[in-house]
Amino acid sequence: MPSTVIAGVDMTKFVKPGTQQPFRVMASRAIQGALKEAGIDAKLIQQAYGAYVYGDSGGAQHALYDNFMSGIPIFNVSNNCSSGSTALFLARQAVEAGVVECALAFGYEEMQPGALVTHWPDREYPSGHYADALGPMGYPEAPIGLRLFGAAGDYYMKKYGVDADIFAKVAVKTRSHAINNPMAILNTPLTVDEVLQAKVVYLDYMTRLMCCPPSCGAAAAIVCSKDFAARHGIAGTVEIIGQAMATDTALAWNNPIDLVGADATRRAAQQAFEQAGVGPEDIQVVELHDCFTPNEVVNYEALGLCEEGGALRMVEAGDNTYGGKFVVNPSGGLMSKGHPLGATGIAQCYELCNQLRHNAGPRQVDDAKVALQHNIGVPGAAVVTIYRLA
């Protein structure tokens, strides 16, 4: 099967709700940027996958038509917060299977201020089914994201005997990375005390500064075969050497951590590492789905970056930042860069491609050779992708 590479990638700066351009405009800018970086004509793209969560059907066509109308298949992709990586997975799969030689994956979102809620109150809410499982576990009602990830953090603290300092330290680390990213929404330094003393939003520990901001933006990636890249003189490509998607099994109902995708992440990571022929010890840089800082902590373990129950030691040793074993979220992550759902996964790809090309400026990870991307949706999918410079 053809080796699959990222030929060009771009993103818009994410912004707060109310300050964004229409999704059609944001997506068009990202698509044009990805095409420009790849140096190819749009007529060479044979399929397109457009990811978003909040919007009417046909949004992918509406966004793409400002760039070109070539009659190719266009797929609308909605997989909750993993929508962007799902679009990338589908584009990669089409190229790797030999169905096409060049595909476009893009994502966008126009979000509203405040916590996530259903836009269809007259019917069952899929994520609500997951939140309902927390009732018998004793977790009180709250907006869906706060309840799910707040419960996961609480469960982790009780299981391993740690306190909320660990989540505050991760927030401080992540913000320190965002200082060097002009694309981040939030880039003011934080202290542990500031995080812990911010407004409590769930249970007695989760504060506002442990939560990512709602945001708007777009990102796009050109996915093609290595042969296609060579024929068209595309330089600086980044190869996808492993990629896997996993959804939930019945284990999800066992505890709050698996309920937010840790088990699916673990299985996806194992598959991706096996495909790539590498292990966690070979990774230098990671973009991890940190919609809430507890989710970063539980996924250190799910991804194999540390042993079970070892996240505190990893954080205390600085093995999640510059100078340690891994640099996790050099972009500032979702916590600082923002989290426009459909664009998030492809924006992670953007960061890692720049890291592997050593184009990341002051946030560059030294000797970055192999990178890992982690993107989840609840309910939806865990997508783990491993990259290296082709």
Protein backbone atom coordinates (compact mmCIF):
# COMPACT_ATOMS: atom_id res chain seq x y z
CA MET A 1 0.00 0.00 0.00
CA PRO A 2 1.20 3.56 -0.67
CA SER A 3 3.07 5.38 2.08
CA THR A 4 0.95 8.34 3.16
CA VAL A 5 2.30 11.83 3.85
CA ILE A 6 1.10 15.28 4.83
CA ALA A 7 2.06 17.50 1.89
CA GLY A 8 0.72 20.79 3.22
CA VAL A 9 -1.07 21.97 6.34
CA ASP A 10 -2.38 25.28 7.65
CA MET A 11 -4.69 26.72 10.29
CA THR A 12 -6.28 30.00 11.22
CA LYS A 13 -5.61 31.58 14.58
CA PHE A 14 -8.36 30.40 16.85
CA VAL A 15 -10.51 33.13 18.38
CA LYS A 16 -13.17 33.53 21.04
CA PRO A 17 -16.83 33.15 20.04
CA GLY A 18 -18.28 36.38 18.75
CA THR A 19 -15.05 37.55 17.12
CA GLN A 20 -14.85 34.97 14.34
CA GLN A 21 -15.40 35.17 10.61
CA PRO A 22 -18.03 32.86 9.06
CA PHE A 23 -16.94 29.22 8.95
CA ARG A 24 -16.87 29.33 5.17
CA VAL A 25 -14.26 32.10 5.29
CA MET A 26 -12.12 30.51 8.00
CA ALA A 27 -12.12 27.12 6.30
CA SER A 28 -11.30 28.67 2.93
CA ARG A 29 -8.27 30.44 4.38
CA ALA A 30 -6.95 27.22 5.91
CA ILE A 31 -7.53 25.23 2.71
CA GLN A 32 -5.78 27.86 0.61
CA GLY A 33 -2.85 27.86 3.03
CA ALA A 34 -2.50 24.09 2.90
CA LEU A 35 -2.62 24.11 -0.91
CA LYS A 36 -0.02 26.87 -1.03
CA GLU A 37 2.34 24.99 1.28
CA ALA A 38 1.95 21.82 -0.77
CA GLY A 39 2.48 23.84 -3.97
CA ILE A 40 -0.18 21.98 -5.94
CA ASP A 41 -3.25 22.96 -7.90
CA ALA A 42 -6.62 22.25 -6.31
CA LYS A 43 -7.63 20.19 -9.35
CA LEU A 44 -5.25 17.45 -8.16
CA ILE A 45 -7.35 16.80 -5.04
CA GLN A 46 -9.56 13.77 -5.62
CA GLN A 47 -11.60 13.62 -2.40
CA ALA A 48 -12.33 15.99 0.50
CA TYR A 49 -13.40 15.35 4.09
CA GLY A 50 -14.80 18.31 6.03
CA ALA A 51 -15.19 18.03 9.81
CA TYR A 52 -17.48 20.04 12.08
CA VAL A 53 -19.93 19.45 14.93
CA TYR A 54 -22.14 22.52 15.16
CA GLY A 55 -23.70 23.19 11.78
CA ASP A 56 -26.18 22.06 9.20
CA SER A 57 -25.49 19.19 6.83
CA GLY A 58 -23.63 20.23 3.69
CA GLY A 59 -21.31 22.58 5.54
CA ALA A 60 -18.25 20.92 4.02
CA GLN A 61 -19.50 21.67 0.52
CA HIS A 62 -20.32 25.26 1.48
CA ALA A 63 -16.83 25.76 2.90
CA LEU A 64 -15.01 24.09 0.03
CA TYR A 65 -16.86 25.75 -2.84
CA ASP A 66 -15.20 29.10 -2.17
CA ASN A 67 -11.93 27.41 -3.18
CA PHE A 68 -12.93 25.15 -6.02
CA MET A 69 -15.89 23.25 -7.46
CA SER A 70 -14.37 20.30 -9.28
CA GLY A 71 -17.09 17.70 -8.78
CA ILE A 72 -15.07 15.48 -6.43
CA PRO A 73 -16.66 13.49 -3.58
CA ILE A 74 -17.03 15.66 -0.45
CA PHE A 75 -17.77 13.98 2.87
CA ASN A 76 -19.23 15.73 5.93
CA VAL A 77 -17.61 14.30 9.07
CA SER A 78 -19.07 14.64 12.58
CA ASN A 79 -17.46 12.64 15.39
CA ASN A 80 -17.64 15.04 18.33
CA CYS A 81 -14.29 16.45 19.46
CA SER A 82 -12.39 13.88 17.37
CA SER A 83 -14.02 15.06 14.13
CA GLY A 84 -10.86 16.65 12.70
CA SER A 85 -8.72 13.58 13.31
CA THR A 86 -11.49 11.40 11.95
CA ALA A 87 -11.42 13.39 8.70
CA LEU A 88 -7.64 12.95 8.61
CA PHE A 89 -8.04 9.22 9.29
CA LEU A 90 -10.49 8.86 6.39
CA ALA A 91 -8.27 10.82 4.00
CA ARG A 92 -5.24 8.77 4.97
CA GLN A 93 -7.19 5.55 4.62
CA ALA A 94 -8.37 6.46 1.11
CA VAL A 95 -4.80 7.24 0.00
CA GLU A 96 -3.28 4.22 1.70
CA ALA A 97 -5.87 1.92 0.13
CA GLY A 98 -5.02 3.31 -3.30
CA VAL A 99 -8.51 4.68 -3.88
CA VAL A 100 -7.05 8.15 -4.48
CA GLU A 101 -3.56 9.65 -4.59
CA CYS A 102 -4.39 13.01 -3.01
CA ALA A 103 -7.12 13.98 -0.55
CA LEU A 104 -8.01 17.01 1.54
CA ALA A 105 -8.95 16.87 5.22
CA PHE A 106 -10.21 20.06 6.82
CA GLY A 107 -12.20 21.09 9.86
CA TYR A 108 -13.84 24.17 11.26
CA GLU A 109 -16.12 25.31 14.04
CA GLU A 110 -18.13 28.33 15.09
CA MET A 111 -18.81 27.79 18.78
CA GLN A 112 -20.96 29.65 21.26
CA PRO A 113 -19.77 31.00 24.63
CA GLY A 114 -20.16 28.81 27.68
CA ALA A 115 -20.35 25.08 28.31
CA LEU A 116 -21.28 22.60 25.59
CA VAL A 117 -24.97 21.78 25.34
CA THR A 118 -27.18 19.89 22.94
CA HIS A 119 -28.66 21.87 20.07
CA TRP A 120 -31.45 19.30 19.67
CA PRO A 121 -33.33 19.22 22.99
CA ASP A 122 -36.32 17.43 21.43
CA ARG A 123 -34.43 14.12 21.05
CA GLU A 124 -31.97 11.89 22.88
CA TYR A 125 -28.54 13.42 23.48
CA PRO A 126 -25.82 10.80 22.79
CA SER A 127 -23.29 12.35 25.18
CA GLY A 128 -26.01 12.59 27.80
CA HIS A 129 -26.14 8.80 27.91
CA TYR A 130 -22.54 8.87 29.13
CA ALA A 131 -23.26 11.53 31.72
CA ASP A 132 -26.22 9.50 32.97
CA ALA A 133 -23.84 6.68 33.84
CA LEU A 134 -22.21 8.96 36.41
CA GLY A 135 -25.37 9.30 38.49
CA PRO A 136 -25.11 5.86 40.12
CA MET A 137 -21.42 6.60 40.79
CA GLY A 138 -22.47 9.60 42.91
CA TYR A 139 -21.40 12.43 40.63
CA PRO A 140 -23.75 15.44 40.68
CA GLU A 141 -25.38 17.08 37.66
CA ALA A 142 -23.43 19.69 35.70
CA PRO A 143 -22.85 20.72 32.08
CA ILE A 144 -21.77 17.64 30.15
CA GLY A 145 -18.03 18.33 29.77
CA LEU A 146 -17.52 19.45 33.35
CA ARG A 147 -19.34 16.41 34.67
CA LEU A 148 -17.55 13.84 32.53
CA PHE A 149 -14.01 15.11 32.88
CA GLY A 150 -14.49 16.40 36.41
CA ALA A 151 -15.56 12.92 37.46
CA ALA A 152 -12.54 11.40 35.70
CA GLY A 153 -10.18 13.69 37.59
CA ASP A 154 -11.91 12.99 40.91
CA TYR A 155 -11.72 9.25 40.31
CA TYR A 156 -8.03 9.49 39.42
CA MET A 157 -7.21 11.46 42.58
CA LYS A 158 -8.99 8.95 44.80
CA LYS A 159 -7.53 5.91 43.05
CA TYR A 160 -3.91 7.07 43.20
CA GLY A 161 -3.94 9.27 46.29
CA VAL A 162 -2.99 12.54 44.60
CA ASP A 163 -4.57 15.96 44.91
CA ALA A 164 -5.64 18.70 42.50
CA ASP A 165 -2.15 20.20 42.45
CA ILE A 166 -1.30 17.77 39.65
CA PHE A 167 -3.96 19.27 37.40
CA ALA A 168 -2.89 22.80 38.28
CA LYS A 169 0.74 22.03 37.48
CA VAL A 170 -0.27 20.70 34.07
CA ALA A 171 -2.21 23.92 33.40
CA VAL A 172 0.85 26.00 34.37
CA LYS A 173 3.11 23.89 32.12
CA THR A 174 0.77 24.16 29.17
CA ARG A 175 0.38 27.92 29.49
CA SER A 176 4.16 28.30 29.67
CA HIS A 177 4.32 26.64 26.24
CA ALA A 178 1.58 28.87 24.82
CA ILE A 179 3.64 31.97 25.57
CA ASN A 180 5.73 31.06 22.52
CA ASN A 181 2.77 30.36 20.23
CA PRO A 182 1.28 33.39 18.45
CA MET A 183 -1.66 31.17 17.42
CA ALA A 184 -2.77 30.62 21.04
CA ILE A 185 -5.80 32.43 22.42
CA LEU A 186 -4.43 32.44 25.98
CA ASN A 187 -0.74 33.19 26.54
CA THR A 188 -0.53 34.84 29.94
CA PRO A 189 1.65 32.89 32.42
CA LEU A 190 -0.09 31.11 35.30
CA THR A 191 0.93 29.96 38.76
CA VAL A 192 -0.31 26.89 40.60
CA ASP A 193 -2.00 29.10 43.18
CA GLU A 194 -3.80 31.06 40.48
CA VAL A 195 -5.17 27.87 38.97
CA LEU A 196 -6.28 26.42 42.31
CA GLN A 197 -7.81 29.70 43.52
CA ALA A 198 -9.78 30.38 40.34
CA LYS A 199 -13.54 29.91 40.33
CA VAL A 200 -14.55 26.32 41.11
CA VAL A 201 -16.79 24.95 38.37
CA TYR A 202 -17.29 21.31 39.43
CA LEU A 203 -17.00 19.27 42.62
CA ASP A 204 -14.59 20.90 45.06
CA TYR A 205 -11.48 20.95 42.92
CA MET A 206 -12.02 21.69 39.21
CA THR A 207 -11.50 25.37 38.50
CA ARG A 208 -12.10 27.47 35.43
CA LEU A 209 -8.35 27.44 34.66
CA MET A 210 -8.39 23.66 34.29
CA CYS A 211 -10.85 23.96 31.38
CA CYS A 212 -10.23 24.84 27.74
CA PRO A 213 -12.03 27.86 26.26
CA PRO A 214 -14.76 27.55 23.61
CA SER A 215 -13.30 28.85 20.38
CA CYS A 216 -13.72 29.24 16.64
CA GLY A 217 -11.34 28.50 13.79
CA ALA A 218 -10.31 26.17 10.99
CA ALA A 219 -7.45 23.94 9.84
CA ALA A 220 -6.67 21.91 6.71
CA ALA A 221 -4.21 19.25 5.55
CA ILE A 222 -3.31 17.81 2.14
CA VAL A 223 -2.82 14.04 2.38
CA CYS A 224 -1.16 12.20 -0.48
CA SER A 225 0.99 9.20 -1.36
CA LYS A 226 4.76 9.43 -1.30
CA ASP A 227 4.81 8.71 -5.02
CA PHE A 228 2.40 11.59 -5.69
CA ALA A 229 4.59 13.95 -3.63
CA ALA A 230 7.70 12.89 -5.53
CA ARG A 231 6.06 13.35 -8.94
CA HIS A 232 4.88 16.83 -8.05
CA GLY A 233 8.10 17.98 -6.40
CA ILE A 234 6.61 18.39 -2.92
CA ALA A 235 9.37 18.75 -0.35
CA GLY A 236 9.29 18.61 3.45
CA THR A 237 6.51 16.06 3.69
CA VAL A 238 5.65 14.42 7.00
CA GLU A 239 4.86 10.71 6.91
CA ILE A 240 2.02 9.09 8.82
CA ILE A 241 3.75 5.94 10.05
CA GLY A 242 0.96 4.74 12.33
CA GLN A 243 -2.66 5.71 12.83
CA ALA A 244 -5.52 3.97 14.59
CA MET A 245 -9.03 4.78 15.71
CA ALA A 246 -10.83 2.98 18.52
CA THR A 247 -14.31 3.40 19.92
CA ASP A 248 -15.73 2.24 23.22
CA THR A 249 -16.31 -1.25 24.51
CA ALA A 250 -18.38 -2.23 27.54
CA LEU A 251 -15.35 -1.28 29.67
CA ALA A 252 -16.42 2.33 29.25
CA TRP A 253 -19.10 1.85 31.91
CA ASN A 254 -16.61 0.60 34.51
CA ASN A 255 -15.28 3.94 35.74
CA PRO A 256 -15.19 7.66 34.83
CA ILE A 257 -11.72 7.45 33.28
CA ASP A 258 -12.66 4.84 30.72
CA LEU A 259 -15.96 6.66 30.22
CA VAL A 260 -14.03 9.61 28.75
CA GLY A 261 -12.01 7.44 26.38
CA ALA A 262 -8.93 6.21 28.23
CA ASP A 263 -9.55 2.58 27.30
CA ALA A 264 -10.18 3.51 23.65
CA THR A 265 -7.03 5.64 23.70
CA ARG A 266 -5.01 2.75 25.10
CA ARG A 267 -6.15 0.40 22.34
CA ALA A 268 -5.67 2.98 19.57
CA ALA A 269 -2.17 3.79 20.84
CA GLN A 270 -1.16 0.13 20.92
CA GLN A 271 -2.32 -0.32 17.32
CA ALA A 272 -0.60 2.86 16.12
CA PHE A 273 2.70 1.95 17.80
CA GLU A 274 2.56 -1.53 16.29
CA GLN A 275 1.96 -0.12 12.80
CA ALA A 276 4.75 2.40 13.18
CA GLY A 277 7.27 -0.04 14.60
CA VAL A 278 8.11 2.35 17.44
CA GLY A 279 7.24 2.66 21.11
CA PRO A 280 6.54 5.51 23.53
CA GLU A 281 10.25 5.77 24.25
CA ASP A 282 10.84 6.81 20.63
CA ILE A 283 8.52 9.83 20.82
CA GLN A 284 9.88 13.33 21.43
CA VAL A 285 6.82 15.54 21.02
CA VAL A 286 3.11 15.00 21.71
CA GLU A 287 -0.07 16.92 21.00
CA LEU A 288 -2.55 15.47 23.51
CA HIS A 289 -6.28 16.16 23.83
CA ASP A 290 -6.33 18.32 26.98
CA CYS A 291 -9.88 19.70 26.89
CA PHE A 292 -9.58 19.60 30.68
CA THR A 293 -6.26 19.14 32.47
CA PRO A 294 -7.43 15.90 34.15
CA ASN A 295 -7.77 14.43 30.67
CA GLU A 296 -4.11 15.15 29.96
CA VAL A 297 -3.10 13.41 33.16
CA VAL A 298 -5.13 10.22 32.61
CA ASN A 299 -3.94 9.96 29.03
CA TYR A 300 -0.26 10.11 29.93
CA GLU A 301 -0.89 6.59 31.17
CA ALA A 302 -3.29 5.51 28.41
CA LEU A 303 -0.72 6.48 25.77
CA GLY A 304 2.08 4.67 27.57
CA LEU A 305 4.07 7.82 28.36
CA CYS A 306 4.31 6.66 31.97
CA GLU A 307 3.31 3.65 34.03
CA GLU A 308 -0.16 3.32 35.57
CA GLY A 309 -0.41 5.68 38.51
CA GLY A 310 2.86 7.34 37.45
CA ALA A 311 1.53 10.67 36.19
CA LEU A 312 2.48 12.58 39.34
CA ARG A 313 6.08 11.37 39.10
CA MET A 314 6.09 12.31 35.42
CA VAL A 315 4.83 15.82 36.17
CA GLU A 316 7.15 16.35 39.15
CA ALA A 317 10.15 15.20 37.08
CA GLY A 318 9.29 17.61 34.26
CA ASP A 319 8.97 14.74 31.81
CA ASN A 320 6.05 16.50 30.08
CA THR A 321 7.96 19.62 29.09
CA TYR A 322 11.21 20.91 27.58
CA GLY A 323 14.24 19.11 28.97
CA GLY A 324 12.23 16.04 29.96
CA LYS A 325 11.37 12.76 28.24
CA PHE A 326 8.54 14.28 26.20
CA VAL A 327 7.28 17.74 25.36
CA VAL A 328 3.50 17.51 25.66
CA ASN A 329 1.45 20.19 23.93
CA PRO A 330 4.17 22.61 22.83
CA SER A 331 1.39 24.53 21.06
CA GLY A 332 -0.26 25.29 24.38
CA GLY A 333 -2.76 22.54 23.73
CA LEU A 334 -6.51 22.93 23.73
CA MET A 335 -6.20 24.64 27.09
CA SER A 336 -4.41 27.65 25.64
CA LYS A 337 -4.62 27.43 21.85
CA GLY A 338 -8.37 26.78 21.90
CA HIS A 339 -10.65 23.92 20.94
CA PRO A 340 -12.92 24.54 17.93
CA LEU A 341 -14.14 20.96 17.79
CA GLY A 342 -13.98 20.19 14.07
CA ALA A 343 -10.62 21.92 13.61
CA THR A 344 -8.81 20.63 16.69
CA GLY A 345 -7.39 17.37 15.32
CA ILE A 346 -6.02 18.97 12.18
CA ALA A 347 -4.58 21.87 14.19
CA GLN A 348 -2.69 19.27 16.23
CA CYS A 349 -1.35 17.88 12.94
CA TYR A 350 -0.29 21.43 11.97
CA GLU A 351 1.75 21.79 15.16
CA LEU A 352 3.45 18.42 14.85
CA CYS A 353 4.32 18.90 11.18
CA ASN A 354 6.01 22.17 12.05
CA GLN A 355 7.86 20.53 14.94
CA LEU A 356 9.16 17.72 12.72
CA ARG A 357 10.20 20.20 10.03
CA HIS A 358 11.91 22.27 12.76
CA ASN A 359 9.80 25.29 11.82
CA ALA A 360 8.31 25.92 15.27
CA GLY A 361 10.46 28.90 16.25
CA PRO A 362 10.94 29.52 19.99
CA ARG A 363 8.74 26.54 20.93
CA GLN A 364 10.77 24.10 18.81
CA VAL A 365 11.42 20.75 20.48
CA ASP A 366 15.11 19.85 20.14
CA ASP A 367 15.82 16.86 17.93
CA ALA A 368 12.13 16.22 17.18
CA LYS A 369 12.06 13.14 14.95
CA VAL A 370 8.91 11.21 15.88
CA ALA A 371 5.66 12.80 17.04
CA LEU A 372 2.40 11.51 18.48
CA GLN A 373 -1.08 13.04 18.18
CA HIS A 374 -4.05 12.14 20.41
CA ASN A 375 -7.61 13.35 19.78
CA ILE A 376 -10.80 12.06 21.40
CA GLY A 377 -14.54 12.56 21.27
CA VAL A 378 -17.14 11.42 23.81
CA PRO A 379 -18.93 9.44 22.58
CA GLY A 380 -17.07 9.15 19.32
CA ALA A 381 -13.56 7.92 18.93
CA ALA A 382 -9.99 8.03 20.09
CA VAL A 383 -7.59 8.66 17.22
CA VAL A 384 -3.84 8.24 17.73
CA THR A 385 -1.46 9.21 14.92
CA ILE A 386 2.32 8.85 14.77
CA TYR A 387 4.39 11.01 12.41
CA ARG A 388 7.97 11.38 11.27
CA LEU A 389 9.68 13.53 8.66
CA ALA A 390 9.54 11.66 5.35
